[in-house]
PDB file of N, CA and C in Angstrom:
ATOM      1  N   GLU A   1      -6.976  -4.844   3.784  1.00  0.00           N
ATOM      2  CA  GLU A   1      -6.629  -6.460   4.571  1.00  0.00           C
ATOM      3  C   GLU A   1      -7.103  -7.413   3.790  1.00  0.00           C
ATOM      4  N   GLY A   2      -5.771  -8.867   3.223  1.00  0.00           N
ATOM      5  CA  GLY A   2      -6.651  -9.579   2.751  1.00  0.00           C
ATOM      6  C   GLY A   2      -5.892 -10.664   3.570  1.00  0.00           C
ATOM      7  N   TYR A   3      -7.123 -12.056   3.578  1.00  0.00           N
ATOM      8  CA  TYR A   3      -6.480 -13.266   3.504  1.00  0.00           C
ATOM      9  C   TYR A   3      -6.613 -14.055   2.445  1.00  0.00           C
ATOM     10  N   ASP A   4      -5.913 -15.353   2.598  1.00  0.00           N
ATOM     11  CA  ASP A   4      -5.686 -16.920   2.162  1.00  0.00           C
ATOM     12  C   ASP A   4      -5.226 -16.161   0.766  1.00  0.00           C
ATOM     13  N   CYS A   5      -4.616 -15.350   0.748  1.00  0.00           N
ATOM     14  CA  CYS A   5      -4.176 -14.757  -0.945  1.00  0.00           C
ATOM     15  C   CYS A   5      -3.277 -15.832  -1.563  1.00  0.00           C
ATOM     16  N   SER A   6      -3.260 -15.531  -2.531  1.00  0.00           N
ATOM     17  CA  SER A   6      -1.982 -16.181  -3.551  1.00  0.00           C
ATOM     18  C   SER A   6      -2.160 -16.076  -4.393  1.00  0.00           C
ATOM     19  N   GLY A   7      -0.833 -16.454  -5.240  1.00  0.00           N
ATOM     20  CA  GLY A   7      -0.690 -15.939  -6.172  1.00  0.00           C
ATOM     21  C   GLY A   7       0.720 -14.259  -6.377  1.00  0.00           C
ATOM     22  N   GLU A   8       0.941 -14.125  -7.192  1.00  0.00           N
ATOM     23  CA  GLU A   8       2.401 -12.415  -7.410  1.00  0.00           C
ATOM     24  C   GLU A   8       1.100 -11.523  -6.998  1.00  0.00           C
ATOM     25  N   LEU A   9       1.647 -10.419  -5.838  1.00  0.00           N
ATOM     26  CA  LEU A   9       0.591  -9.242  -5.128  1.00  0.00           C
ATOM     27  C   LEU A   9       1.728  -8.381  -5.167  1.00  0.00           C
ATOM     28  N   LYS A  10       1.361  -7.007  -5.841  1.00  0.00           N
ATOM     29  CA  LYS A  10       2.049  -5.899  -5.737  1.00  0.00           C
ATOM     30  C   LYS A  10       1.225  -4.917  -5.352  1.00  0.00           C
ATOM     31  N   ILE A  11       1.562  -4.090  -3.902  1.00  0.00           N
ATOM     32  CA  ILE A  11       0.184  -3.731  -3.047  1.00  0.00           C
ATOM     33  C   ILE A  11       1.239  -2.468  -2.719  1.00  0.00           C
ATOM     34  N   HIS A  12       0.667  -1.307  -3.016  1.00  0.00           N
ATOM     35  CA  HIS A  12       0.907   0.340  -2.528  1.00  0.00           C
ATOM     36  C   HIS A  12      -0.246   0.880  -1.428  1.00  0.00           C
ATOM     37  N   SER A  13       0.223   1.266  -0.421  1.00  0.00           N
ATOM     38  CA  SER A  13      -0.864   2.154   0.351  1.00  0.00           C
ATOM     39  C   SER A  13      -0.095   3.519   0.742  1.00  0.00           C
ATOM     40  N   GLY A  14      -0.726   4.632   0.194  1.00  0.00           N
ATOM     41  CA  GLY A  14      -0.229   5.863   0.189  1.00  0.00           C
ATOM     42  C   GLY A  14      -0.381   6.035   2.099  1.00  0.00           C
ATOM     43  N   ALA A  15      -1.226   5.567   2.695  1.00  0.00           N
ATOM     44  CA  ALA A  15      -0.888   5.968   3.942  1.00  0.00           C
ATOM     45  C   ALA A  15      -2.170   4.966   4.768  1.00  0.00           C
ATOM     46  N   GLY A  16      -2.184   4.232   5.563  1.00  0.00           N
ATOM     47  CA  GLY A  16      -2.753   3.111   5.810  1.00  0.00           C
ATOM     48  C   GLY A  16      -2.223   1.892   5.980  1.00  0.00           C
ATOM     49  N   ASN A  17      -2.307   1.361   7.023  1.00  0.00           N
ATOM     50  CA  ASN A  17      -2.078  -0.080   7.302  1.00  0.00           C
ATOM     51  C   ASN A  17      -2.298  -1.111   6.344  1.00  0.00           C
ATOM     52  N   VAL A  18      -1.628  -2.698   6.390  1.00  0.00           N
ATOM     53  CA  VAL A  18      -1.495  -3.223   4.924  1.00  0.00           C
ATOM     54  C   VAL A  18      -1.566  -4.761   5.769  1.00  0.00           C
ATOM     55  N   GLU A  19      -2.313  -5.474   5.594  1.00  0.00           N
ATOM     56  CA  GLU A  19      -2.003  -6.647   6.584  1.00  0.00           C
ATOM     57  C   GLU A  19      -2.753  -8.285   5.534  1.00  0.00           C
ATOM     58  N   PHE A  20      -1.593  -8.769   5.705  1.00  0.00           N
ATOM     59  CA  PHE A  20      -2.120  -9.948   4.224  1.00  0.00           C
ATOM     60  C   PHE A  20      -1.578 -11.475   5.089  1.00  0.00           C
ATOM     61  N   HIS A  21      -2.370 -12.846   4.705  1.00  0.00           N
ATOM     62  CA  HIS A  21      -1.648 -13.706   4.648  1.00  0.00           C
ATOM     63  C   HIS A  21      -1.696 -14.544   3.112  1.00  0.00           C
ATOM     64  N   VAL A  22      -0.693 -14.494   3.116  1.00  0.00           N
ATOM     65  CA  VAL A  22       0.123 -15.565   1.697  1.00  0.00           C
ATOM     66  C   VAL A  22       0.399 -16.703   1.751  1.00  0.00           C
ATOM     67  N   ASP A  23       0.412 -17.274   0.788  1.00  0.00           N
ATOM     68  CA  ASP A  23       1.234 -18.955   1.074  1.00  0.00           C
ATOM     69  C   ASP A  23       2.879 -19.242   0.785  1.00  0.00           C
ATOM     70  N   GLY A  24       3.074 -17.626   0.342  1.00  0.00           N
ATOM     71  CA  GLY A  24       4.792 -18.078   0.132  1.00  0.00           C
ATOM     72  C   GLY A  24       5.400 -18.644  -0.672  1.00  0.00           C
ATOM     73  N   GLU A  25       4.708 -18.976  -1.994  1.00  0.00           N
ATOM     74  CA  GLU A  25       4.744 -19.558  -3.463  1.00  0.00           C
ATOM     75  C   GLU A  25       4.908 -18.592  -4.341  1.00  0.00           C
ATOM     76  N   HIS A  26       5.226 -17.263  -4.210  1.00  0.00           N
ATOM     77  CA  HIS A  26       4.977 -16.570  -5.320  1.00  0.00           C
ATOM     78  C   HIS A  26       5.367 -15.120  -4.869  1.00  0.00           C
ATOM     79  N   ASP A  27       5.639 -14.121  -5.542  1.00  0.00           N
ATOM     80  CA  ASP A  27       5.648 -13.081  -5.266  1.00  0.00           C
ATOM     81  C   ASP A  27       5.138 -11.843  -4.762  1.00  0.00           C
ATOM     82  N   VAL A  28       5.952 -11.564  -3.498  1.00  0.00           N
ATOM     83  CA  VAL A  28       5.047 -10.548  -3.008  1.00  0.00           C
ATOM     84  C   VAL A  28       5.867  -9.140  -2.651  1.00  0.00           C
ATOM     85  N   TYR A  29       5.608  -7.893  -3.000  1.00  0.00           N
ATOM     86  CA  TYR A  29       5.848  -6.366  -3.112  1.00  0.00           C
ATOM     87  C   TYR A  29       4.887  -5.787  -2.480  1.00  0.00           C
ATOM     88  N   VAL A  30       5.609  -5.364  -1.419  1.00  0.00           N
ATOM     89  CA  VAL A  30       4.017  -4.541  -0.521  1.00  0.00           C
ATOM     90  C   VAL A  30       4.888  -3.510   0.049  1.00  0.00           C
ATOM     91  N   SER A  31       4.348  -1.826  -0.079  1.00  0.00           N
ATOM     92  CA  SER A  31       5.174  -0.992   0.254  1.00  0.00           C
ATOM     93  C   SER A  31       3.418  -0.027   1.000  1.00  0.00           C
ATOM     94  N   SER A  32       4.022   1.463   2.194  1.00  0.00           N
ATOM     95  CA  SER A  32       3.267   1.768   2.393  1.00  0.00           C
ATOM     96  C   SER A  32       4.154   3.068   3.159  1.00  0.00           C
ATOM     97  N   GLY A  33       3.471   4.382   2.133  1.00  0.00           N
ATOM     98  CA  GLY A  33       4.164   5.502   2.447  1.00  0.00           C
ATOM     99  C   GLY A  33       4.207   5.683   4.098  1.00  0.00           C
ATOM    100  N   ALA A  34       3.044   5.435   4.914  1.00  0.00           N
ATOM    101  CA  ALA A  34       2.775   5.818   6.413  1.00  0.00           C
ATOM    102  C   ALA A  34       1.849   4.808   7.000  1.00  0.00           C
ATOM    103  N   GLY A  35       2.505   3.931   7.354  1.00  0.00           N
ATOM    104  CA  GLY A  35       1.277   2.878   7.859  1.00  0.00           C
ATOM    105  C   GLY A  35       2.324   1.372   8.096  1.00  0.00           C
ATOM    106  N   ASN A  36       1.747   0.063   8.722  1.00  0.00           N
ATOM    107  CA  ASN A  36       2.224  -0.877   9.183  1.00  0.00           C
ATOM    108  C   ASN A  36       2.098  -1.900   7.929  1.00  0.00           C
ATOM    109  N   VAL A  37       3.111  -2.810   7.699  1.00  0.00           N
ATOM    110  CA  VAL A  37       2.567  -3.714   7.031  1.00  0.00           C
ATOM    111  C   VAL A  37       2.897  -4.927   7.752  1.00  0.00           C
ATOM    112  N   ASP A  38       1.866  -5.931   7.909  1.00  0.00           N
ATOM    113  CA  ASP A  38       2.012  -6.959   7.940  1.00  0.00           C
ATOM    114  C   ASP A  38       1.750  -8.057   7.310  1.00  0.00           C
ATOM    115  N   ILE A  39       2.439  -9.284   7.964  1.00  0.00           N
ATOM    116  CA  ILE A  39       2.289  -9.966   6.416  1.00  0.00           C
ATOM    117  C   ILE A  39       2.777 -11.627   7.664  1.00  0.00           C
ATOM    118  N   ARG A  40       1.570 -12.731   7.073  1.00  0.00           N
ATOM    119  CA  ARG A  40       1.826 -13.790   7.896  1.00  0.00           C
ATOM    120  C   ARG A  40       2.042 -14.804   6.668  1.00  0.00           C
ATOM    121  N   ILE A  41       2.951 -15.681   6.823  1.00  0.00           N
ATOM    122  CA  ILE A  41       3.840 -17.017   5.345  1.00  0.00           C
ATOM    123  C   ILE A  41       2.736 -18.108   5.501  1.00  0.00           C
ATOM    124  N   GLU A  42       1.291 -18.518   5.335  1.00  0.00           N
ATOM    125  CA  GLU A  42       1.057 -19.625   5.897  1.00  0.00           C
ATOM    126  C   GLU A  42       1.766 -20.541   5.454  1.00  0.00           C
ATOM    127  N   ASN A  43       2.626 -20.684   4.864  1.00  0.00           N
ATOM    128  CA  ASN A  43       3.492 -22.152   4.003  1.00  0.00           C
ATOM    129  C   ASN A  43       5.169 -21.896   4.805  1.00  0.00           C
ATOM    130  N   ASP A  44       5.326 -21.479   5.680  1.00  0.00           N
ATOM    131  CA  ASP A  44       6.841 -20.586   5.559  1.00  0.00           C
ATOM    132  C   ASP A  44       7.733 -22.365   6.040  1.00  0.00           C
ATOM    133  N   ARG A  45       7.159 -23.581   6.126  1.00  0.00           N
ATOM    134  CA  ARG A  45       8.117 -24.340   6.406  1.00  0.00           C
ATOM    135  C   ARG A  45       8.808 -25.040   4.656  1.00  0.00           C
ATOM    136  N   ALA A  46       8.124 -24.234   3.884  1.00  0.00           N
ATOM    137  CA  ALA A  46       8.368 -25.053   2.518  1.00  0.00           C
ATOM    138  C   ALA A  46       8.711 -23.303   1.918  1.00  0.00           C
ATOM    139  N   LEU A  47       8.947 -22.416   2.726  1.00  0.00           N
ATOM    140  CA  LEU A  47       9.185 -20.817   1.953  1.00  0.00           C
ATOM    141  C   LEU A  47      10.829 -21.186   1.359  1.00  0.00           C
ATOM    142  N   ASN A  48      10.728 -20.739  -0.361  1.00  0.00           N
ATOM    143  CA  ASN A  48      12.261 -20.466  -0.923  1.00  0.00           C
ATOM    144  C   ASN A  48      11.604 -19.180  -1.662  1.00  0.00           C
ATOM    145  N   ALA A  49      12.436 -18.073  -0.301  1.00  0.00           N
ATOM    146  CA  ALA A  49      12.104 -16.836  -1.509  1.00  0.00           C
ATOM    147  C   ALA A  49      13.497 -15.768  -0.454  1.00  0.00           C
ATOM    148  N   THR A  50      13.672 -14.618  -1.016  1.00  0.00           N
ATOM    149  CA  THR A  50      14.485 -13.880  -0.348  1.00  0.00           C
ATOM    150  C   THR A  50      13.583 -13.008  -0.240  1.00  0.00           C
ATOM    151  N   VAL A  51      13.224 -12.418   1.448  1.00  0.00           N
ATOM    152  CA  VAL A  51      12.690 -11.795   2.422  1.00  0.00           C
ATOM    153  C   VAL A  51      13.812 -10.370   2.645  1.00  0.00           C
ATOM    154  N   GLU A  52      12.706  -9.256   1.714  1.00  0.00           N
ATOM    155  CA  GLU A  52      13.689  -7.982   2.613  1.00  0.00           C
ATOM    156  C   GLU A  52      12.537  -7.385   3.015  1.00  0.00           C
ATOM    157  N   LEU A  53      13.167  -6.793   4.057  1.00  0.00           N
ATOM    158  CA  LEU A  53      12.121  -5.599   5.239  1.00  0.00           C
ATOM    159  C   LEU A  53      13.119  -4.959   5.539  1.00  0.00           C
ATOM    160  N   SER A  54      12.391  -3.463   5.312  1.00  0.00           N
ATOM    161  CA  SER A  54      12.780  -1.892   5.695  1.00  0.00           C
ATOM    162  C   SER A  54      11.480  -1.161   6.170  1.00  0.00           C
ATOM    163  N   ALA A  55      11.977  -0.418   7.317  1.00  0.00           N
ATOM    164  CA  ALA A  55      11.020   0.685   7.795  1.00  0.00           C
ATOM    165  C   ALA A  55      11.996   1.575   8.054  1.00  0.00           C
ATOM    166  N   GLY A  56      11.255   3.133   7.509  1.00  0.00           N
ATOM    167  CA  GLY A  56      11.797   4.490   7.418  1.00  0.00           C
ATOM    168  C   GLY A  56      11.941   5.095   9.288  1.00  0.00           C
ATOM    169  N   LEU A  57      10.859   4.869   9.087  1.00  0.00           N
ATOM    170  CA  LEU A  57      10.650   5.630  11.076  1.00  0.00           C
ATOM    171  C   LEU A  57      10.048   4.320  11.353  1.00  0.00           C
ATOM    172  N   GLY A  58      10.309   3.294  11.817  1.00  0.00           N
ATOM    173  CA  GLY A  58       9.896   1.873  12.928  1.00  0.00           C
ATOM    174  C   GLY A  58      10.912   1.204  13.156  1.00  0.00           C
ATOM    175  N   ASN A  59      10.599  -0.421  13.215  1.00  0.00           N
ATOM    176  CA  ASN A  59      11.478  -1.521  12.806  1.00  0.00           C
ATOM    177  C   ASN A  59      10.440  -2.866  12.826  1.00  0.00           C
ATOM    178  N   VAL A  60      11.447  -3.466  12.078  1.00  0.00           N
ATOM    179  CA  VAL A  60      11.011  -4.540  11.588  1.00  0.00           C
ATOM    180  C   VAL A  60      11.152  -5.762  13.007  1.00  0.00           C
ATOM    181  N   HIS A  61      10.092  -6.763  12.841  1.00  0.00           N
ATOM    182  CA  HIS A  61       9.619  -7.538  13.319  1.00  0.00           C
ATOM    183  C   HIS A  61       9.594  -9.022  12.414  1.00  0.00           C
ATOM    184  N   SER A  62       9.784  -9.923  13.509  1.00  0.00           N
ATOM    185  CA  SER A  62       9.577 -11.151  12.648  1.00  0.00           C
ATOM    186  C   SER A  62      10.000 -12.416  13.554  1.00  0.00           C
ATOM    187  N   ASN A  63       9.200 -13.497  13.652  1.00  0.00           N
ATOM    188  CA  ASN A  63       9.675 -14.951  14.067  1.00  0.00           C
ATOM    189  C   ASN A  63      10.155 -15.918  13.418  1.00  0.00           C
ATOM    190  N   LEU A  64      10.639 -15.425  11.996  1.00  0.00           N
ATOM    191  CA  LEU A  64      11.449 -15.824  10.577  1.00  0.00           C
ATOM    192  C   LEU A  64      12.708 -16.111  10.330  1.00  0.00           C
ATOM    193  N   LEU A  65      12.881 -14.022  10.666  1.00  0.00           N
ATOM    194  CA  LEU A  65      14.397 -13.910  10.851  1.00  0.00           C
ATOM    195  C   LEU A  65      14.759 -13.174  12.163  1.00  0.00           C
ATOM    196  N   ASP A  66      16.318 -13.296  12.311  1.00  0.00           N
ATOM    197  CA  ASP A  66      16.581 -12.894  13.565  1.00  0.00           C
ATOM    198  C   ASP A  66      16.461 -11.164  13.779  1.00  0.00           C
ATOM    199  N   THR A  67      15.605 -10.947  14.686  1.00  0.00           N
ATOM    200  CA  THR A  67      15.414  -9.838  14.864  1.00  0.00           C
ATOM    201  C   THR A  67      15.759  -9.023  16.128  1.00  0.00           C
ATOM    202  N   SER A  68      16.474 -10.037  16.804  1.00  0.00           N
ATOM    203  CA  SER A  68      17.390  -9.555  18.476  1.00  0.00           C
ATOM    204  C   SER A  68      17.620  -8.241  18.136  1.00  0.00           C
ATOM    205  N   MET A  69      18.186  -7.821  17.577  1.00  0.00           N
ATOM    206  CA  MET A  69      18.869  -6.490  17.709  1.00  0.00           C
ATOM    207  C   MET A  69      17.504  -5.315  16.925  1.00  0.00           C
ATOM    208  N   LYS A  70      17.135  -4.396  17.445  1.00  0.00           N
ATOM    209  CA  LYS A  70      16.310  -2.960  16.917  1.00  0.00           C
ATOM    210  C   LYS A  70      16.669  -3.444  15.583  1.00  0.00           C
ATOM    211  N   SER A  71      16.020  -3.479  14.477  1.00  0.00           N
ATOM    212  CA  SER A  71      16.665  -2.605  13.204  1.00  0.00           C
ATOM    213  C   SER A  71      15.816  -2.119  12.368  1.00  0.00           C
ATOM    214  N   LYS A  72      16.160  -1.386  11.246  1.00  0.00           N
ATOM    215  CA  LYS A  72      15.657  -0.996  10.528  1.00  0.00           C
ATOM    216  C   LYS A  72      15.338  -1.321   8.780  1.00  0.00           C
ATOM    217  N   LYS A  73      16.577  -2.566   8.618  1.00  0.00           N
ATOM    218  CA  LYS A  73      15.770  -3.321   7.728  1.00  0.00           C
ATOM    219  C   LYS A  73      16.813  -4.785   7.436  1.00  0.00           C
ATOM    220  N   LEU A  74      16.490  -5.500   7.236  1.00  0.00           N
ATOM    221  CA  LEU A  74      17.110  -7.206   7.559  1.00  0.00           C
ATOM    222  C   LEU A  74      16.569  -7.737   5.789  1.00  0.00           C
ATOM    223  N   SER A  75      17.251  -8.614   5.690  1.00  0.00           N
ATOM    224  CA  SER A  75      17.365  -9.267   4.035  1.00  0.00           C
ATOM    225  C   SER A  75      17.473 -10.716   4.982  1.00  0.00           C
ATOM    226  N   GLN A  76      17.008 -11.931   3.895  1.00  0.00           N
ATOM    227  CA  GLN A  76      17.293 -13.044   4.462  1.00  0.00           C
ATOM    228  C   GLN A  76      17.495 -14.331   3.289  1.00  0.00           C
ATOM    229  N   VAL A  77      17.264 -14.962   2.514  1.00  0.00           N
ATOM    230  CA  VAL A  77      17.376 -16.189   1.885  1.00  0.00           C
ATOM    231  C   VAL A  77      16.775 -17.147   2.542  1.00  0.00           C
ATOM    232  N   PHE A  78      15.912 -17.998   2.183  1.00  0.00           N
ATOM    233  CA  PHE A  78      14.738 -18.905   2.855  1.00  0.00           C
ATOM    234  C   PHE A  78      15.045 -20.102   1.524  1.00  0.00           C
ATOM    235  N   GLY A  79      15.417 -21.504   1.884  1.00  0.00           N
ATOM    236  CA  GLY A  79      15.425 -22.125   0.529  1.00  0.00           C
ATOM    237  C   GLY A  79      16.436 -21.862  -0.478  1.00  0.00           C
ATOM    238  N   THR A  80      15.812 -22.068  -1.960  1.00  0.00           N
ATOM    239  CA  THR A  80      16.357 -22.045  -2.778  1.00  0.00           C
ATOM    240  C   THR A  80      16.290 -20.214  -3.065  1.00  0.00           C
ATOM    241  N   GLY A  81      15.479 -19.298  -2.370  1.00  0.00           N
ATOM    242  CA  GLY A  81      15.730 -17.851  -3.018  1.00  0.00           C
ATOM    243  C   GLY A  81      14.500 -17.685  -3.513  1.00  0.00           C
ATOM    244  N   GLU A  82      14.067 -18.405  -4.563  1.00  0.00           N
ATOM    245  CA  GLU A  82      13.444 -18.146  -5.764  1.00  0.00           C
ATOM    246  C   GLU A  82      12.370 -16.839  -5.898  1.00  0.00           C
ATOM    247  N   ASN A  83      11.357 -17.107  -4.953  1.00  0.00           N
ATOM    248  CA  ASN A  83      10.610 -16.188  -5.040  1.00  0.00           C
ATOM    249  C   ASN A  83      10.752 -14.949  -4.334  1.00  0.00           C
ATOM    250  N   LYS A  84      10.266 -13.433  -4.665  1.00  0.00           N
ATOM    251  CA  LYS A  84      11.042 -12.583  -3.505  1.00  0.00           C
ATOM    252  C   LYS A  84       9.989 -11.967  -2.865  1.00  0.00           C
ATOM    253  N   ILE A  85       9.960 -11.471  -1.452  1.00  0.00           N
ATOM    254  CA  ILE A  85       9.371 -10.937  -0.763  1.00  0.00           C
ATOM    255  C   ILE A  85       9.759  -9.639  -0.352  1.00  0.00           C
ATOM    256  N   LYS A  86       9.299  -8.081  -0.337  1.00  0.00           N
ATOM    257  CA  LYS A  86       9.777  -7.182  -0.244  1.00  0.00           C
ATOM    258  C   LYS A  86       8.763  -6.147   0.312  1.00  0.00           C
ATOM    259  N   LEU A  87       9.207  -5.660   1.832  1.00  0.00           N
ATOM    260  CA  LEU A  87       7.953  -5.444   2.671  1.00  0.00           C
ATOM    261  C   LEU A  87       8.754  -4.479   3.229  1.00  0.00           C
ATOM    262  N   SER A  88       8.041  -3.195   2.846  1.00  0.00           N
ATOM    263  CA  SER A  88       8.363  -1.514   3.306  1.00  0.00           C
ATOM    264  C   SER A  88       7.474  -0.844   3.266  1.00  0.00           C
ATOM    265  N   THR A  89       8.091   0.195   4.364  1.00  0.00           N
ATOM    266  CA  THR A  89       7.266   1.395   4.764  1.00  0.00           C
ATOM    267  C   THR A  89       8.258   2.445   5.244  1.00  0.00           C
ATOM    268  N   GLY A  90       7.950   3.900   4.778  1.00  0.00           N
ATOM    269  CA  GLY A  90       8.565   4.826   5.111  1.00  0.00           C
ATOM    270  C   GLY A  90       8.304   5.234   6.382  1.00  0.00           C
ATOM    271  N   VAL A  91       6.923   4.920   7.380  1.00  0.00           N
ATOM    272  CA  VAL A  91       6.844   5.712   8.761  1.00  0.00           C
ATOM    273  C   VAL A  91       5.765   4.364   8.970  1.00  0.00           C
ATOM    274  N   GLY A  92       6.134   3.462  10.139  1.00  0.00           N
ATOM    275  CA  GLY A  92       5.357   2.424  10.391  1.00  0.00           C
ATOM    276  C   GLY A  92       6.602   1.307  10.610  1.00  0.00           C
ATOM    277  N   ASN A  93       5.364   0.207  11.166  1.00  0.00           N
ATOM    278  CA  ASN A  93       6.860  -1.117  11.363  1.00  0.00           C
ATOM    279  C   ASN A  93       6.186  -2.180  10.406  1.00  0.00           C
ATOM    280  N   VAL A  94       7.569  -2.978  10.081  1.00  0.00           N
ATOM    281  CA  VAL A  94       6.706  -3.834   9.146  1.00  0.00           C
ATOM    282  C   VAL A  94       7.344  -5.387  10.060  1.00  0.00           C
ATOM    283  N   SER A  95       6.075  -5.748   9.175  1.00  0.00           N
ATOM    284  CA  SER A  95       5.922  -7.583  10.252  1.00  0.00           C
ATOM    285  C   SER A  95       6.012  -8.378   8.953  1.00  0.00           C
ATOM    286  N   ILE A  96       6.510  -9.920   9.237  1.00  0.00           N
ATOM    287  CA  ILE A  96       6.595 -11.033   8.939  1.00  0.00           C
ATOM    288  C   ILE A  96       6.407 -12.271   9.893  1.00  0.00           C
ATOM    289  N   TYR A  97       5.753 -13.208   9.572  1.00  0.00           N
ATOM    290  CA  TYR A  97       5.241 -14.338  10.608  1.00  0.00           C
ATOM    291  C   TYR A  97       4.798 -15.718  10.078  1.00  0.00           C
ATOM    292  N   GLY A  98       5.468 -16.492   9.748  1.00  0.00           N
ATOM    293  CA  GLY A  98       5.157 -17.815   9.727  1.00  0.00           C
ATOM    294  C   GLY A  98       4.558 -18.380  10.616  1.00  0.00           C
ATOM    295  N   LYS A  99       3.428 -19.558  10.496  1.00  0.00           N
ATOM    296  CA  LYS A  99       3.105 -20.543  11.698  1.00  0.00           C
ATOM    297  C   LYS A  99       4.100 -21.162  12.428  1.00  0.00           C
ATOM    298  N   THR A 100       5.019 -21.897  11.902  1.00  0.00           N
ATOM    299  CA  THR A 100       6.273 -22.213  12.869  1.00  0.00           C
ATOM    300  C   THR A 100       7.020 -21.241  13.396  1.00  0.00           C
ATOM    301  N   LEU A 101       6.779 -21.788  14.961  1.00  0.00           N
ATOM    302  CA  LEU A 101       7.740 -20.666  16.079  1.00  0.00           C
ATOM    303  C   LEU A 101       8.920 -21.651  16.756  1.00  0.00           C
TER     304      LEU A 101
END
């Protein structure tokens, strides 16, 4: 679990949940073999990233992307798409939320 993280992040958990608050201004790569991956983007209004979410046995959730249909994989480009945010889990859910609703 991490809060107020900045800079490029590369995190892998074999088994366990991963939760972070990030600035959204750098690359973020988070994966878990078995566990939920939850990320909050602190500066979502200025987000310039390609976001890729995938959940093998689970679902993806977001207030930034269209998750109206249950899906196991989503991607979307925000702004210039300059940075990369890639979140995945084999078993569990993947969530990315911004402060803007």
